[in-house]
Amino acid sequence: MSFFDKRTQVFGPEKMSIGDFDPTVDGFYRNVVTIPLTVKHNHMLYVKVESDNPVDIVIARDNGSAVTHKDRQKDIVMGPFPTEKLDSMGIIIGVFRGDKANATVEAWMEKK
């Protein structure tokens, strides 16, 4: 990455499996994945999700409120979302019970 590059990687790209059997969680399937993000003030956040099956995606603030919510997405770039004075945000990705998806998730920030 160049010193003068406006893009700052926050997460990934990382491949993950959603909907796998996991006896340690309620319901025995890991249908929801949460990804905490550390962000900088006054930047714009972008999130890219590519999946083999549709997933639901929420971008959340640190107080738990949703910035946006998209249902049944397979290939999407979401943003820009202003980070304002936040230090952390999060991505929540989920599938319906009985469904499974392999997703690649990436998040980055750019200066305003």
PDB file of N, CA and C in Angstrom:
ATOM      1  N   MET A   1       0.838  -1.168   0.000  1.00  0.00           N
ATOM      2  CA  MET A   1       0.000   0.000   0.000  1.00  0.00           C
ATOM      3  C   MET A   1       0.887   1.237   0.000  1.00  0.00           C
ATOM      4  N   SER A   2       0.568   2.183  -0.818  1.00  0.00           N
ATOM      5  CA  SER A   2       1.313   3.421  -0.943  1.00  0.00           C
ATOM      6  C   SER A   2       1.096   4.302   0.285  1.00  0.00           C
ATOM      7  N   PHE A   3       2.092   5.101   0.607  1.00  0.00           N
ATOM      8  CA  PHE A   3       1.992   6.026   1.732  1.00  0.00           C
ATOM      9  C   PHE A   3       0.881   7.044   1.514  1.00  0.00           C
ATOM     10  N   PHE A   4       0.654   7.430   0.266  1.00  0.00           N
ATOM     11  CA  PHE A   4      -0.353   8.435  -0.047  1.00  0.00           C
ATOM     12  C   PHE A   4      -1.682   7.821  -0.476  1.00  0.00           C
ATOM     13  N   ASP A   5      -1.812   6.526  -0.367  1.00  0.00           N
ATOM     14  CA  ASP A   5      -3.058   5.858  -0.729  1.00  0.00           C
ATOM     15  C   ASP A   5      -4.158   6.266   0.240  1.00  0.00           C
ATOM     16  N   LYS A   6      -5.323   6.609  -0.296  1.00  0.00           N
ATOM     17  CA  LYS A   6      -6.441   7.037   0.535  1.00  0.00           C
ATOM     18  C   LYS A   6      -7.109   5.859   1.238  1.00  0.00           C
ATOM     19  N   ARG A   7      -6.906   4.661   0.758  1.00  0.00           N
ATOM     20  CA  ARG A   7      -7.608   3.481   1.273  1.00  0.00           C
ATOM     21  C   ARG A   7      -6.816   2.836   2.414  1.00  0.00           C
ATOM     22  N   THR A   8      -7.507   2.590   3.542  1.00  0.00           N
ATOM     23  CA  THR A   8      -6.920   1.922   4.697  1.00  0.00           C
ATOM     24  C   THR A   8      -7.716   0.658   4.979  1.00  0.00           C
ATOM     25  N   GLN A   9      -7.045  -0.486   4.911  1.00  0.00           N
ATOM     26  CA  GLN A   9      -7.723  -1.764   5.126  1.00  0.00           C
ATOM     27  C   GLN A   9      -8.074  -1.919   6.604  1.00  0.00           C
ATOM     28  N   VAL A  10      -9.333  -2.272   6.891  1.00  0.00           N
ATOM     29  CA  VAL A  10      -9.804  -2.453   8.262  1.00  0.00           C
ATOM     30  C   VAL A  10      -9.995  -3.933   8.579  1.00  0.00           C
ATOM     31  N   PHE A  11     -10.429  -4.713   7.585  1.00  0.00           N
ATOM     32  CA  PHE A  11     -10.658  -6.143   7.785  1.00  0.00           C
ATOM     33  C   PHE A  11     -10.504  -6.868   6.460  1.00  0.00           C
ATOM     34  N   GLY A  12      -9.817  -8.015   6.519  1.00  0.00           N
ATOM     35  CA  GLY A  12      -9.766  -8.920   5.376  1.00  0.00           C
ATOM     36  C   GLY A  12      -8.921  -8.439   4.222  1.00  0.00           C
ATOM     37  N   PRO A  13      -9.221  -8.994   3.062  1.00  0.00           N
ATOM     38  CA  PRO A  13     -10.294  -9.934   2.758  1.00  0.00           C
ATOM     39  C   PRO A  13     -10.077 -11.285   3.448  1.00  0.00           C
ATOM     40  N   GLU A  14     -11.162 -11.794   4.011  1.00  0.00           N
ATOM     41  CA  GLU A  14     -11.112 -13.058   4.741  1.00  0.00           C
ATOM     42  C   GLU A  14     -12.287 -13.939   4.344  1.00  0.00           C
ATOM     43  N   LYS A  15     -11.975 -15.226   4.094  1.00  0.00           N
ATOM     44  CA  LYS A  15     -13.022 -16.197   3.761  1.00  0.00           C
ATOM     45  C   LYS A  15     -13.566 -16.788   5.052  1.00  0.00           C
ATOM     46  N   MET A  16     -14.886 -16.969   5.097  1.00  0.00           N
ATOM     47  CA  MET A  16     -15.508 -17.557   6.279  1.00  0.00           C
ATOM     48  C   MET A  16     -16.703 -18.392   5.877  1.00  0.00           C
ATOM     49  N   SER A  17     -17.016 -19.353   6.713  1.00  0.00           N
ATOM     50  CA  SER A  17     -18.162 -20.218   6.491  1.00  0.00           C
ATOM     51  C   SER A  17     -19.236 -19.864   7.514  1.00  0.00           C
ATOM     52  N   ILE A  18     -20.462 -19.678   7.045  1.00  0.00           N
ATOM     53  CA  ILE A  18     -21.580 -19.289   7.897  1.00  0.00           C
ATOM     54  C   ILE A  18     -22.636 -20.389   7.812  1.00  0.00           C
ATOM     55  N   GLY A  19     -23.174 -20.782   8.949  1.00  0.00           N
ATOM     56  CA  GLY A  19     -24.195 -21.826   8.991  1.00  0.00           C
ATOM     57  C   GLY A  19     -23.644 -23.200   9.315  1.00  0.00           C
ATOM     58  N   ASP A  20     -22.395 -23.268   9.774  1.00  0.00           N
ATOM     59  CA  ASP A  20     -21.782 -24.554  10.121  1.00  0.00           C
ATOM     60  C   ASP A  20     -22.334 -25.105  11.434  1.00  0.00           C
ATOM     61  N   PHE A  21     -22.300 -26.426  11.565  1.00  0.00           N
ATOM     62  CA  PHE A  21     -22.677 -27.090  12.809  1.00  0.00           C
ATOM     63  C   PHE A  21     -21.679 -26.722  13.890  1.00  0.00           C
ATOM     64  N   ASP A  22     -22.183 -26.284  15.055  1.00  0.00           N
ATOM     65  CA  ASP A  22     -21.329 -25.923  16.179  1.00  0.00           C
ATOM     66  C   ASP A  22     -22.098 -26.208  17.470  1.00  0.00           C
ATOM     67  N   PRO A  23     -21.774 -27.302  18.158  1.00  0.00           N
ATOM     68  CA  PRO A  23     -22.536 -27.665  19.358  1.00  0.00           C
ATOM     69  C   PRO A  23     -22.343 -26.705  20.530  1.00  0.00           C
ATOM     70  N   THR A  24     -21.419 -25.750  20.424  1.00  0.00           N
ATOM     71  CA  THR A  24     -21.171 -24.818  21.524  1.00  0.00           C
ATOM     72  C   THR A  24     -22.100 -23.610  21.504  1.00  0.00           C
ATOM     73  N   VAL A  25     -22.895 -23.424  20.444  1.00  0.00           N
ATOM     74  CA  VAL A  25     -23.789 -22.267  20.359  1.00  0.00           C
ATOM     75  C   VAL A  25     -25.242 -22.719  20.450  1.00  0.00           C
ATOM     76  N   ASP A  26     -26.113 -21.797  20.844  1.00  0.00           N
ATOM     77  CA  ASP A  26     -27.545 -22.104  20.899  1.00  0.00           C
ATOM     78  C   ASP A  26     -28.036 -22.487  19.514  1.00  0.00           C
ATOM     79  N   GLY A  27     -28.813 -23.532  19.428  1.00  0.00           N
ATOM     80  CA  GLY A  27     -29.345 -23.993  18.147  1.00  0.00           C
ATOM     81  C   GLY A  27     -28.401 -24.899  17.383  1.00  0.00           C
ATOM     82  N   PHE A  28     -27.161 -25.034  17.861  1.00  0.00           N
ATOM     83  CA  PHE A  28     -26.149 -25.933  17.295  1.00  0.00           C
ATOM     84  C   PHE A  28     -25.631 -25.550  15.907  1.00  0.00           C
ATOM     85  N   TYR A  29     -26.008 -24.391  15.385  1.00  0.00           N
ATOM     86  CA  TYR A  29     -25.483 -23.933  14.096  1.00  0.00           C
ATOM     87  C   TYR A  29     -25.060 -22.479  14.222  1.00  0.00           C
ATOM     88  N   ARG A  30     -23.898 -22.152  13.683  1.00  0.00           N
ATOM     89  CA  ARG A  30     -23.391 -20.785  13.727  1.00  0.00           C
ATOM     90  C   ARG A  30     -23.946 -20.029  12.518  1.00  0.00           C
ATOM     91  N   ASN A  31     -25.190 -19.535  12.676  1.00  0.00           N
ATOM     92  CA  ASN A  31     -25.886 -18.850  11.586  1.00  0.00           C
ATOM     93  C   ASN A  31     -25.571 -17.365  11.515  1.00  0.00           C
ATOM     94  N   VAL A  32     -24.934 -16.823  12.537  1.00  0.00           N
ATOM     95  CA  VAL A  32     -24.613 -15.401  12.580  1.00  0.00           C
ATOM     96  C   VAL A  32     -23.136 -15.239  12.909  1.00  0.00           C
ATOM     97  N   VAL A  33     -22.455 -14.392  12.146  1.00  0.00           N
ATOM     98  CA  VAL A  33     -21.048 -14.079  12.382  1.00  0.00           C
ATOM     99  C   VAL A  33     -20.950 -12.582  12.628  1.00  0.00           C
ATOM    100  N   THR A  34     -20.280 -12.198  13.708  1.00  0.00           N
ATOM    101  CA  THR A  34     -20.065 -10.780  13.994  1.00  0.00           C
ATOM    102  C   THR A  34     -18.589 -10.452  13.811  1.00  0.00           C
ATOM    103  N   ILE A  35     -18.339  -9.302  13.206  1.00  0.00           N
ATOM    104  CA  ILE A  35     -16.975  -8.867  12.931  1.00  0.00           C
ATOM    105  C   ILE A  35     -16.803  -7.462  13.499  1.00  0.00           C
ATOM    106  N   PRO A  36     -16.035  -7.310  14.588  1.00  0.00           N
ATOM    107  CA  PRO A  36     -15.784  -5.969  15.120  1.00  0.00           C
ATOM    108  C   PRO A  36     -14.749  -5.241  14.265  1.00  0.00           C
ATOM    109  N   LEU A  37     -14.954  -3.950  14.075  1.00  0.00           N
ATOM    110  CA  LEU A  37     -14.044  -3.130  13.279  1.00  0.00           C
ATOM    111  C   LEU A  37     -13.555  -1.956  14.118  1.00  0.00           C
ATOM    112  N   THR A  38     -12.271  -1.663  14.046  1.00  0.00           N
ATOM    113  CA  THR A  38     -11.724  -0.460  14.654  1.00  0.00           C
ATOM    114  C   THR A  38     -11.604   0.580  13.552  1.00  0.00           C
ATOM    115  N   VAL A  39     -12.291   1.712  13.734  1.00  0.00           N
ATOM    116  CA  VAL A  39     -12.323   2.743  12.697  1.00  0.00           C
ATOM    117  C   VAL A  39     -11.747   4.048  13.229  1.00  0.00           C
ATOM    118  N   LYS A  40     -11.413   4.939  12.303  1.00  0.00           N
ATOM    119  CA  LYS A  40     -10.898   6.263  12.651  1.00  0.00           C
ATOM    120  C   LYS A  40     -12.000   7.295  12.469  1.00  0.00           C
ATOM    121  N   HIS A  41     -11.890   8.357  13.227  1.00  0.00           N
ATOM    122  CA  HIS A  41     -12.875   9.437  13.144  1.00  0.00           C
ATOM    123  C   HIS A  41     -12.861  10.090  11.762  1.00  0.00           C
ATOM    124  N   ASN A  42     -14.021  10.524  11.324  1.00  0.00           N
ATOM    125  CA  ASN A  42     -14.191  11.313  10.097  1.00  0.00           C
ATOM    126  C   ASN A  42     -13.629  10.637   8.852  1.00  0.00           C
ATOM    127  N   HIS A  43     -13.862   9.354   8.728  1.00  0.00           N
ATOM    128  CA  HIS A  43     -13.521   8.613   7.520  1.00  0.00           C
ATOM    129  C   HIS A  43     -14.802   8.025   6.942  1.00  0.00           C
ATOM    130  N   MET A  44     -14.699   7.405   5.785  1.00  0.00           N
ATOM    131  CA  MET A  44     -15.828   6.740   5.147  1.00  0.00           C
ATOM    132  C   MET A  44     -15.534   5.243   5.117  1.00  0.00           C
ATOM    133  N   LEU A  45     -16.477   4.435   5.599  1.00  0.00           N
ATOM    134  CA  LEU A  45     -16.316   2.982   5.668  1.00  0.00           C
ATOM    135  C   LEU A  45     -17.012   2.323   4.487  1.00  0.00           C
ATOM    136  N   TYR A  46     -16.344   1.349   3.886  1.00  0.00           N
ATOM    137  CA  TYR A  46     -16.895   0.534   2.802  1.00  0.00           C
ATOM    138  C   TYR A  46     -16.783  -0.932   3.210  1.00  0.00           C
ATOM    139  N   VAL A  47     -17.770  -1.730   2.818  1.00  0.00           N
ATOM    140  CA  VAL A  47     -17.765  -3.163   3.110  1.00  0.00           C
ATOM    141  C   VAL A  47     -18.110  -3.918   1.835  1.00  0.00           C
ATOM    142  N   LYS A  48     -17.310  -4.946   1.528  1.00  0.00           N
ATOM    143  CA  LYS A  48     -17.560  -5.791   0.358  1.00  0.00           C
ATOM    144  C   LYS A  48     -17.788  -7.219   0.838  1.00  0.00           C
ATOM    145  N   VAL A  49     -18.883  -7.819   0.359  1.00  0.00           N
ATOM    146  CA  VAL A  49     -19.203  -9.206   0.700  1.00  0.00           C
ATOM    147  C   VAL A  49     -19.486  -9.964  -0.586  1.00  0.00           C
ATOM    148  N   GLU A  50     -18.791 -11.078  -0.778  1.00  0.00           N
ATOM    149  CA  GLU A  50     -19.050 -12.000  -1.886  1.00  0.00           C
ATOM    150  C   GLU A  50     -19.373 -13.349  -1.269  1.00  0.00           C
ATOM    151  N   SER A  51     -20.480 -13.966  -1.702  1.00  0.00           N
ATOM    152  CA  SER A  51     -20.926 -15.213  -1.094  1.00  0.00           C
ATOM    153  C   SER A  51     -21.484 -16.151  -2.154  1.00  0.00           C
ATOM    154  N   ASP A  52     -21.354 -17.462  -1.909  1.00  0.00           N
ATOM    155  CA  ASP A  52     -21.903 -18.434  -2.850  1.00  0.00           C
ATOM    156  C   ASP A  52     -23.409 -18.598  -2.683  1.00  0.00           C
ATOM    157  N   ASN A  53     -23.954 -18.264  -1.521  1.00  0.00           N
ATOM    158  CA  ASN A  53     -25.393 -18.286  -1.251  1.00  0.00           C
ATOM    159  C   ASN A  53     -25.783 -16.962  -0.601  1.00  0.00           C
ATOM    160  N   PRO A  54     -27.035 -16.561  -0.712  1.00  0.00           N
ATOM    161  CA  PRO A  54     -27.449 -15.267  -0.160  1.00  0.00           C
ATOM    162  C   PRO A  54     -27.263 -15.174   1.362  1.00  0.00           C
ATOM    163  N   VAL A  55     -26.791 -14.008   1.800  1.00  0.00           N
ATOM    164  CA  VAL A  55     -26.609 -13.716   3.221  1.00  0.00           C
ATOM    165  C   VAL A  55     -27.265 -12.377   3.543  1.00  0.00           C
ATOM    166  N   ASP A  56     -27.620 -12.188   4.812  1.00  0.00           N
ATOM    167  CA  ASP A  56     -28.110 -10.909   5.303  1.00  0.00           C
ATOM    168  C   ASP A  56     -26.939 -10.181   5.949  1.00  0.00           C
ATOM    169  N   ILE A  57     -26.846  -8.863   5.709  1.00  0.00           N
ATOM    170  CA  ILE A  57     -25.702  -8.086   6.170  1.00  0.00           C
ATOM    171  C   ILE A  57     -26.196  -6.853   6.914  1.00  0.00           C
ATOM    172  N   VAL A  58     -25.599  -6.594   8.070  1.00  0.00           N
ATOM    173  CA  VAL A  58     -25.875  -5.381   8.836  1.00  0.00           C
ATOM    174  C   VAL A  58     -24.547  -4.692   9.116  1.00  0.00           C
ATOM    175  N   ILE A  59     -24.510  -3.380   8.888  1.00  0.00           N
ATOM    176  CA  ILE A  59     -23.387  -2.558   9.316  1.00  0.00           C
ATOM    177  C   ILE A  59     -23.887  -1.817  10.552  1.00  0.00           C
ATOM    178  N   ALA A  60     -23.179  -1.949  11.682  1.00  0.00           N
ATOM    179  CA  ALA A  60     -23.667  -1.409  12.949  1.00  0.00           C
ATOM    180  C   ALA A  60     -22.682  -0.420  13.565  1.00  0.00           C
ATOM    181  N   ARG A  61     -23.247   0.521  14.323  1.00  0.00           N
ATOM    182  CA  ARG A  61     -22.447   1.457  15.110  1.00  0.00           C
ATOM    183  C   ARG A  61     -22.089   0.795  16.442  1.00  0.00           C
ATOM    184  N   ASP A  62     -21.201   1.435  17.200  1.00  0.00           N
ATOM    185  CA  ASP A  62     -20.778   0.856  18.478  1.00  0.00           C
ATOM    186  C   ASP A  62     -21.869   0.871  19.543  1.00  0.00           C
ATOM    187  N   ASN A  63     -22.949   1.641  19.340  1.00  0.00           N
ATOM    188  CA  ASN A  63     -24.051   1.642  20.307  1.00  0.00           C
ATOM    189  C   ASN A  63     -25.114   0.590  19.964  1.00  0.00           C
ATOM    190  N   GLY A  64     -24.870  -0.201  18.919  1.00  0.00           N
ATOM    191  CA  GLY A  64     -25.781  -1.273  18.537  1.00  0.00           C
ATOM    192  C   GLY A  64     -26.799  -0.906  17.479  1.00  0.00           C
ATOM    193  N   SER A  65     -26.880   0.368  17.117  1.00  0.00           N
ATOM    194  CA  SER A  65     -27.833   0.770  16.078  1.00  0.00           C
ATOM    195  C   SER A  65     -27.280   0.427  14.700  1.00  0.00           C
ATOM    196  N   ALA A  66     -28.178   0.156  13.782  1.00  0.00           N
ATOM    197  CA  ALA A  66     -27.774  -0.238  12.429  1.00  0.00           C
ATOM    198  C   ALA A  66     -27.577   0.985  11.542  1.00  0.00           C
ATOM    199  N   VAL A  67     -26.479   0.995  10.807  1.00  0.00           N
ATOM    200  CA  VAL A  67     -26.266   2.008   9.776  1.00  0.00           C
ATOM    201  C   VAL A  67     -27.073   1.619   8.548  1.00  0.00           C
ATOM    202  N   THR A  68     -27.021   0.338   8.193  1.00  0.00           N
ATOM    203  CA  THR A  68     -27.796  -0.186   7.068  1.00  0.00           C
ATOM    204  C   THR A  68     -27.986  -1.686   7.238  1.00  0.00           C
ATOM    205  N   HIS A  69     -28.958  -2.205   6.502  1.00  0.00           N
ATOM    206  CA  HIS A  69     -29.271  -3.634   6.545  1.00  0.00           C
ATOM    207  C   HIS A  69     -29.679  -4.066   5.142  1.00  0.00           C
ATOM    208  N   LYS A  70     -29.067  -5.108   4.632  1.00  0.00           N
ATOM    209  CA  LYS A  70     -29.398  -5.648   3.310  1.00  0.00           C
ATOM    210  C   LYS A  70     -29.701  -7.134   3.441  1.00  0.00           C
ATOM    211  N   ASP A  71     -30.811  -7.561   2.845  1.00  0.00           N
ATOM    212  CA  ASP A  71     -31.218  -8.963   2.873  1.00  0.00           C
ATOM    213  C   ASP A  71     -30.791  -9.685   1.602  1.00  0.00           C
ATOM    214  N   ARG A  72     -30.432 -10.963   1.754  1.00  0.00           N
ATOM    215  CA  ARG A  72     -30.219 -11.903   0.649  1.00  0.00           C
ATOM    216  C   ARG A  72     -29.280 -11.350  -0.430  1.00  0.00           C
ATOM    217  N   GLN A  73     -28.067 -11.047  -0.033  1.00  0.00           N
ATOM    218  CA  GLN A  73     -27.061 -10.511  -0.942  1.00  0.00           C
ATOM    219  C   GLN A  73     -25.998 -11.567  -1.230  1.00  0.00           C
ATOM    220  N   LYS A  74     -25.523 -11.591  -2.486  1.00  0.00           N
ATOM    221  CA  LYS A  74     -24.456 -12.523  -2.866  1.00  0.00           C
ATOM    222  C   LYS A  74     -23.167 -11.802  -3.238  1.00  0.00           C
ATOM    223  N   ASP A  75     -23.272 -10.612  -3.792  1.00  0.00           N
ATOM    224  CA  ASP A  75     -22.094  -9.855  -4.222  1.00  0.00           C
ATOM    225  C   ASP A  75     -22.440  -8.381  -4.116  1.00  0.00           C
ATOM    226  N   ILE A  76     -21.881  -7.705  -3.120  1.00  0.00           N
ATOM    227  CA  ILE A  76     -22.263  -6.318  -2.883  1.00  0.00           C
ATOM    228  C   ILE A  76     -21.096  -5.537  -2.285  1.00  0.00           C
ATOM    229  N   VAL A  77     -20.982  -4.279  -2.693  1.00  0.00           N
ATOM    230  CA  VAL A  77     -20.100  -3.318  -2.043  1.00  0.00           C
ATOM    231  C   VAL A  77     -21.013  -2.284  -1.406  1.00  0.00           C
ATOM    232  N   MET A  78     -20.914  -2.149  -0.097  1.00  0.00           N
ATOM    233  CA  MET A  78     -21.777  -1.235   0.643  1.00  0.00           C
ATOM    234  C   MET A  78     -20.960  -0.038   1.118  1.00  0.00           C
ATOM    235  N   GLY A  79     -21.544   1.141   1.043  1.00  0.00           N
ATOM    236  CA  GLY A  79     -20.867   2.339   1.515  1.00  0.00           C
ATOM    237  C   GLY A  79     -20.947   3.418   0.474  1.00  0.00           C
ATOM    238  N   PRO A  80     -20.466   4.564   0.779  1.00  0.00           N
ATOM    239  CA  PRO A  80     -19.699   4.938   1.970  1.00  0.00           C
ATOM    240  C   PRO A  80     -20.598   5.234   3.165  1.00  0.00           C
ATOM    241  N   PHE A  81     -20.102   4.865   4.358  1.00  0.00           N
ATOM    242  CA  PHE A  81     -20.774   5.157   5.616  1.00  0.00           C
ATOM    243  C   PHE A  81     -19.845   6.027   6.449  1.00  0.00           C
ATOM    244  N   PRO A  82     -20.286   7.203   6.887  1.00  0.00           N
ATOM    245  CA  PRO A  82     -19.410   8.064   7.690  1.00  0.00           C
ATOM    246  C   PRO A  82     -19.153   7.456   9.070  1.00  0.00           C
ATOM    247  N   THR A  83     -17.899   7.461   9.486  1.00  0.00           N
ATOM    248  CA  THR A  83     -17.544   6.947  10.807  1.00  0.00           C
ATOM    249  C   THR A  83     -17.776   7.996  11.891  1.00  0.00           C
ATOM    250  N   GLU A  84     -17.953   9.245  11.498  1.00  0.00           N
ATOM    251  CA  GLU A  84     -18.202  10.360  12.412  1.00  0.00           C
ATOM    252  C   GLU A  84     -17.168  10.350  13.528  1.00  0.00           C
ATOM    253  N   LYS A  85     -17.603  10.290  14.776  1.00  0.00           N
ATOM    254  CA  LYS A  85     -16.669  10.291  15.908  1.00  0.00           C
ATOM    255  C   LYS A  85     -16.562   8.912  16.548  1.00  0.00           C
ATOM    256  N   LEU A  86     -16.883   7.882  15.775  1.00  0.00           N
ATOM    257  CA  LEU A  86     -16.870   6.514  16.298  1.00  0.00           C
ATOM    258  C   LEU A  86     -15.458   5.932  16.313  1.00  0.00           C
ATOM    259  N   ASP A  87     -15.202   5.089  17.298  1.00  0.00           N
ATOM    260  CA  ASP A  87     -13.941   4.353  17.372  1.00  0.00           C
ATOM    261  C   ASP A  87     -14.107   2.916  16.902  1.00  0.00           C
ATOM    262  N   SER A  88     -15.346   2.410  16.949  1.00  0.00           N
ATOM    263  CA  SER A  88     -15.581   1.040  16.514  1.00  0.00           C
ATOM    264  C   SER A  88     -16.941   0.932  15.841  1.00  0.00           C
ATOM    265  N   MET A  89     -17.013   0.013  14.911  1.00  0.00           N
ATOM    266  CA  MET A  89     -18.249  -0.330  14.213  1.00  0.00           C
ATOM    267  C   MET A  89     -18.223  -1.844  14.048  1.00  0.00           C
ATOM    268  N   GLY A  90     -19.205  -2.402  13.376  1.00  0.00           N
ATOM    269  CA  GLY A  90     -19.209  -3.839  13.214  1.00  0.00           C
ATOM    270  C   GLY A  90     -19.994  -4.294  12.003  1.00  0.00           C
ATOM    271  N   ILE A  91     -19.700  -5.511  11.576  1.00  0.00           N
ATOM    272  CA  ILE A  91     -20.415  -6.160  10.483  1.00  0.00           C
ATOM    273  C   ILE A  91     -21.074  -7.402  11.075  1.00  0.00           C
ATOM    274  N   ILE A  92     -22.341  -7.597  10.774  1.00  0.00           N
ATOM    275  CA  ILE A  92     -23.062  -8.792  11.197  1.00  0.00           C
ATOM    276  C   ILE A  92     -23.564  -9.483   9.935  1.00  0.00           C
ATOM    277  N   ILE A  93     -23.198 -10.749   9.767  1.00  0.00           N
ATOM    278  CA  ILE A  93     -23.596 -11.512   8.583  1.00  0.00           C
ATOM    279  C   ILE A  93     -24.339 -12.754   9.057  1.00  0.00           C
ATOM    280  N   GLY A  94     -25.487 -13.017   8.451  1.00  0.00           N
ATOM    281  CA  GLY A  94     -26.275 -14.155   8.885  1.00  0.00           C
ATOM    282  C   GLY A  94     -26.962 -14.876   7.747  1.00  0.00           C
ATOM    283  N   VAL A  95     -27.330 -16.114   8.013  1.00  0.00           N
ATOM    284  CA  VAL A  95     -28.113 -16.923   7.084  1.00  0.00           C
ATOM    285  C   VAL A  95     -29.293 -17.506   7.855  1.00  0.00           C
ATOM    286  N   PHE A  96     -30.323 -17.925   7.132  1.00  0.00           N
ATOM    287  CA  PHE A  96     -31.472 -18.558   7.765  1.00  0.00           C
ATOM    288  C   PHE A  96     -31.083 -19.936   8.287  1.00  0.00           C
ATOM    289  N   ARG A  97     -31.807 -20.405   9.294  1.00  0.00           N
ATOM    290  CA  ARG A  97     -31.560 -21.724   9.870  1.00  0.00           C
ATOM    291  C   ARG A  97     -31.631 -22.781   8.767  1.00  0.00           C
ATOM    292  N   GLY A  98     -30.629 -23.629   8.710  1.00  0.00           N
ATOM    293  CA  GLY A  98     -30.572 -24.677   7.699  1.00  0.00           C
ATOM    294  C   GLY A  98     -29.799 -24.283   6.455  1.00  0.00           C
ATOM    295  N   ASP A  99     -29.541 -22.992   6.279  1.00  0.00           N
ATOM    296  CA  ASP A  99     -28.758 -22.527   5.129  1.00  0.00           C
ATOM    297  C   ASP A  99     -27.283 -22.488   5.495  1.00  0.00           C
ATOM    298  N   LYS A 100     -26.444 -22.480   4.474  1.00  0.00           N
ATOM    299  CA  LYS A 100     -25.002 -22.399   4.654  1.00  0.00           C
ATOM    300  C   LYS A 100     -24.429 -21.538   3.548  1.00  0.00           C
ATOM    301  N   ALA A 101     -23.417 -20.752   3.867  1.00  0.00           N
ATOM    302  CA  ALA A 101     -22.784 -19.893   2.866  1.00  0.00           C
ATOM    303  C   ALA A 101     -21.293 -19.798   3.146  1.00  0.00           C
ATOM    304  N   ASN A 102     -20.524 -19.708   2.084  1.00  0.00           N
ATOM    305  CA  ASN A 102     -19.102 -19.416   2.158  1.00  0.00           C
ATOM    306  C   ASN A 102     -18.929 -18.009   1.619  1.00  0.00           C
ATOM    307  N   ALA A 103     -18.446 -17.117   2.472  1.00  0.00           N
ATOM    308  CA  ALA A 103     -18.375 -15.707   2.105  1.00  0.00           C
ATOM    309  C   ALA A 103     -16.956 -15.183   2.248  1.00  0.00           C
ATOM    310  N   THR A 104     -16.640 -14.195   1.426  1.00  0.00           N
ATOM    311  CA  THR A 104     -15.411 -13.428   1.553  1.00  0.00           C
ATOM    312  C   THR A 104     -15.811 -12.019   1.941  1.00  0.00           C
ATOM    313  N   VAL A 105     -15.253 -11.547   3.054  1.00  0.00           N
ATOM    314  CA  VAL A 105     -15.627 -10.243   3.602  1.00  0.00           C
ATOM    315  C   VAL A 105     -14.397  -9.352   3.648  1.00  0.00           C
ATOM    316  N   GLU A 106     -14.595  -8.097   3.275  1.00  0.00           N
ATOM    317  CA  GLU A 106     -13.525  -7.112   3.272  1.00  0.00           C
ATOM    318  C   GLU A 106     -14.110  -5.776   3.701  1.00  0.00           C
ATOM    319  N   ALA A 107     -13.357  -5.015   4.494  1.00  0.00           N
ATOM    320  CA  ALA A 107     -13.791  -3.680   4.902  1.00  0.00           C
ATOM    321  C   ALA A 107     -12.599  -2.736   4.831  1.00  0.00           C
ATOM    322  N   TRP A 108     -12.855  -1.516   4.385  1.00  0.00           N
ATOM    323  CA  TRP A 108     -11.799  -0.514   4.307  1.00  0.00           C
ATOM    324  C   TRP A 108     -12.378   0.870   4.559  1.00  0.00           C
ATOM    325  N   MET A 109     -11.468   1.806   4.868  1.00  0.00           N
ATOM    326  CA  MET A 109     -11.850   3.198   5.073  1.00  0.00           C
ATOM    327  C   MET A 109     -11.134   4.070   4.058  1.00  0.00           C
ATOM    328  N   GLU A 110     -11.764   5.177   3.738  1.00  0.00           N
ATOM    329  CA  GLU A 110     -11.141   6.208   2.920  1.00  0.00           C
ATOM    330  C   GLU A 110     -11.362   7.540   3.600  1.00  0.00           C
ATOM    331  N   LYS A 111     -10.416   8.447   3.421  1.00  0.00           N
ATOM    332  CA  LYS A 111     -10.578   9.789   3.980  1.00  0.00           C
ATOM    333  C   LYS A 111     -11.690  10.505   3.250  1.00  0.00           C
ATOM    334  N   LYS A 112     -12.368  11.385   3.981  1.00  0.00           N
ATOM    335  CA  LYS A 112     -13.461  12.155   3.365  1.00  0.00           C
ATOM    336  C   LYS A 112     -12.924  13.078   2.300  1.00  0.00           C
TER     337      LYS A 112
END
